[in-house]
Amino acid sequence: MTLLLLEALGAMVLLIFIVWWTMFSGRKKGELPDEAAPTRPQDDDAPPKRD
């Protein structure tokens, strides 16, 4: 039973490490600030979207 719990813990740690690595490996300081995020220009002639 202990071996099964250790294996599950190891798999969870590995999953968290892979997710962290893929999120932050390409950026020097983590996430981009909000003002640096690219924005799409608004088209004033386009009709409003319906949900």
N, C-alpha and C. Protein backbone atom coordinates (compact mmCIF):
# COMPACT_ATOMS: atom_id res chain seq x y z
N MET A 1 0.83 -1.20 0.00
CA MET A 1 0.00 0.00 0.00
C MET A 1 0.87 1.25 0.00
N THR A 2 1.93 1.24 0.80
CA THR A 2 2.83 2.39 0.87
C THR A 2 3.51 2.63 -0.48
N LEU A 3 3.90 1.54 -1.14
CA LEU A 3 4.54 1.66 -2.44
C LEU A 3 3.58 2.28 -3.47
N LEU A 4 2.33 1.93 -3.40
CA LEU A 4 1.33 2.49 -4.31
C LEU A 4 1.15 3.98 -4.07
N LEU A 5 1.12 4.41 -2.82
CA LEU A 5 0.99 5.83 -2.50
C LEU A 5 2.24 6.61 -2.93
N LEU A 6 3.41 6.03 -2.75
CA LEU A 6 4.65 6.68 -3.19
C LEU A 6 4.68 6.83 -4.71
N GLU A 7 4.21 5.83 -5.42
CA GLU A 7 4.17 5.90 -6.87
C GLU A 7 3.19 6.98 -7.34
N ALA A 8 2.04 7.07 -6.69
CA ALA A 8 1.06 8.10 -7.04
C ALA A 8 1.62 9.49 -6.73
N LEU A 9 2.30 9.64 -5.62
CA LEU A 9 2.92 10.92 -5.27
C LEU A 9 3.99 11.29 -6.29
N GLY A 10 4.81 10.33 -6.68
CA GLY A 10 5.84 10.60 -7.68
C GLY A 10 5.24 11.01 -9.02
N ALA A 11 4.16 10.37 -9.42
CA ALA A 11 3.50 10.72 -10.68
C ALA A 11 2.91 12.13 -10.60
N MET A 12 2.34 12.49 -9.46
CA MET A 12 1.79 13.83 -9.29
C MET A 12 2.88 14.89 -9.33
N VAL A 13 4.00 14.63 -8.67
CA VAL A 13 5.12 15.58 -8.68
C VAL A 13 5.66 15.73 -10.09
N LEU A 14 5.78 14.63 -10.82
CA LEU A 14 6.24 14.69 -12.19
C LEU A 14 5.29 15.49 -13.07
N LEU A 15 4.00 15.30 -12.90
CA LEU A 15 3.01 16.05 -13.67
C LEU A 15 3.10 17.55 -13.38
N ILE A 16 3.21 17.91 -12.12
CA ILE A 16 3.32 19.33 -11.74
C ILE A 16 4.59 19.93 -12.31
N PHE A 17 5.69 19.18 -12.27
CA PHE A 17 6.96 19.67 -12.82
C PHE A 17 6.85 19.88 -14.33
N ILE A 18 6.23 18.97 -15.05
CA ILE A 18 6.08 19.11 -16.50
C ILE A 18 5.22 20.32 -16.84
N VAL A 19 4.14 20.52 -16.11
CA VAL A 19 3.27 21.68 -16.36
C VAL A 19 4.03 22.97 -16.07
N TRP A 20 4.75 23.02 -14.96
CA TRP A 20 5.53 24.22 -14.61
C TRP A 20 6.60 24.48 -15.66
N TRP A 21 7.27 23.45 -16.10
CA TRP A 21 8.35 23.60 -17.07
C TRP A 21 7.80 24.14 -18.40
N THR A 22 6.67 23.65 -18.85
CA THR A 22 6.13 24.11 -20.12
C THR A 22 5.55 25.52 -20.02
N MET A 23 5.11 25.93 -18.85
CA MET A 23 4.55 27.27 -18.70
C MET A 23 5.63 28.34 -18.65
N PHE A 24 6.73 28.07 -17.98
CA PHE A 24 7.70 29.12 -17.70
C PHE A 24 9.07 28.92 -18.32
N SER A 25 9.29 27.91 -19.11
CA SER A 25 10.64 27.67 -19.63
C SER A 25 11.06 28.68 -20.68
N GLY A 26 10.13 29.25 -21.43
CA GLY A 26 10.49 30.15 -22.51
C GLY A 26 10.56 31.61 -22.11
N ARG A 27 10.19 31.96 -20.93
CA ARG A 27 10.14 33.36 -20.50
C ARG A 27 11.12 33.61 -19.37
N LYS A 28 11.80 34.75 -19.44
CA LYS A 28 12.82 35.05 -18.44
C LYS A 28 12.21 35.37 -17.07
N LYS A 29 11.09 36.08 -17.07
CA LYS A 29 10.49 36.50 -15.79
C LYS A 29 9.08 35.98 -15.61
N GLY A 30 8.75 34.85 -16.17
CA GLY A 30 7.43 34.27 -15.99
C GLY A 30 6.41 34.86 -16.94
N GLU A 31 5.22 35.15 -16.45
CA GLU A 31 4.13 35.63 -17.28
C GLU A 31 4.37 37.06 -17.76
N LEU A 32 3.80 37.38 -18.92
CA LEU A 32 3.90 38.73 -19.45
C LEU A 32 2.99 39.67 -18.66
N PRO A 33 3.38 40.92 -18.47
CA PRO A 33 2.48 41.88 -17.82
C PRO A 33 1.29 42.17 -18.72
N ASP A 34 0.19 42.63 -18.12
CA ASP A 34 -1.05 42.85 -18.87
C ASP A 34 -0.89 43.89 -19.97
N GLU A 35 -0.13 44.96 -19.74
CA GLU A 35 -0.01 46.00 -20.74
C GLU A 35 0.81 45.55 -21.95
N ALA A 36 1.62 44.51 -21.80
CA ALA A 36 2.42 44.00 -22.91
C ALA A 36 1.69 42.94 -23.72
N ALA A 37 0.53 42.55 -23.28
CA ALA A 37 -0.23 41.52 -23.99
C ALA A 37 -0.74 42.10 -25.31
N PRO A 38 -0.65 41.33 -26.39
CA PRO A 38 -1.13 41.85 -27.68
C PRO A 38 -2.64 42.02 -27.66
N THR A 39 -3.09 43.07 -28.30
CA THR A 39 -4.52 43.35 -28.37
C THR A 39 -4.96 43.35 -29.82
N ARG A 40 -6.19 42.97 -30.05
CA ARG A 40 -6.75 42.99 -31.39
C ARG A 40 -7.43 44.32 -31.62
N PRO A 41 -7.19 44.93 -32.79
CA PRO A 41 -7.90 46.19 -33.06
C PRO A 41 -9.38 45.95 -33.24
N GLN A 42 -10.18 46.89 -32.78
CA GLN A 42 -11.63 46.77 -32.89
C GLN A 42 -12.08 47.33 -34.24
N ASP A 43 -12.97 46.63 -34.89
CA ASP A 43 -13.53 47.07 -36.17
C ASP A 43 -14.84 47.79 -35.87
N ASP A 44 -14.86 49.12 -36.10
CA ASP A 44 -16.05 49.91 -35.77
C ASP A 44 -17.21 49.62 -36.71
N ASP A 45 -16.93 49.15 -37.94
CA ASP A 45 -18.00 48.90 -38.91
C ASP A 45 -18.66 47.54 -38.73
N ALA A 46 -18.07 46.67 -37.94
CA ALA A 46 -18.62 45.32 -37.77
C ALA A 46 -19.82 45.36 -36.84
N PRO A 47 -20.84 44.56 -37.16
CA PRO A 47 -22.01 44.51 -36.26
C PRO A 47 -21.63 43.80 -34.95
N PRO A 48 -22.32 44.09 -33.86
CA PRO A 48 -22.01 43.42 -32.58
C PRO A 48 -22.29 41.94 -32.65
N LYS A 49 -21.49 41.18 -31.97
CA LYS A 49 -21.64 39.73 -31.96
C LYS A 49 -22.77 39.34 -31.03
N ARG A 50 -23.51 38.28 -31.41
CA ARG A 50 -24.57 37.76 -30.57
C ARG A 50 -24.12 36.48 -29.91
N ASP A 51 -24.55 36.26 -28.71
CA ASP A 51 -24.18 35.03 -27.98
C ASP A 51 -25.13 33.91 -28.24
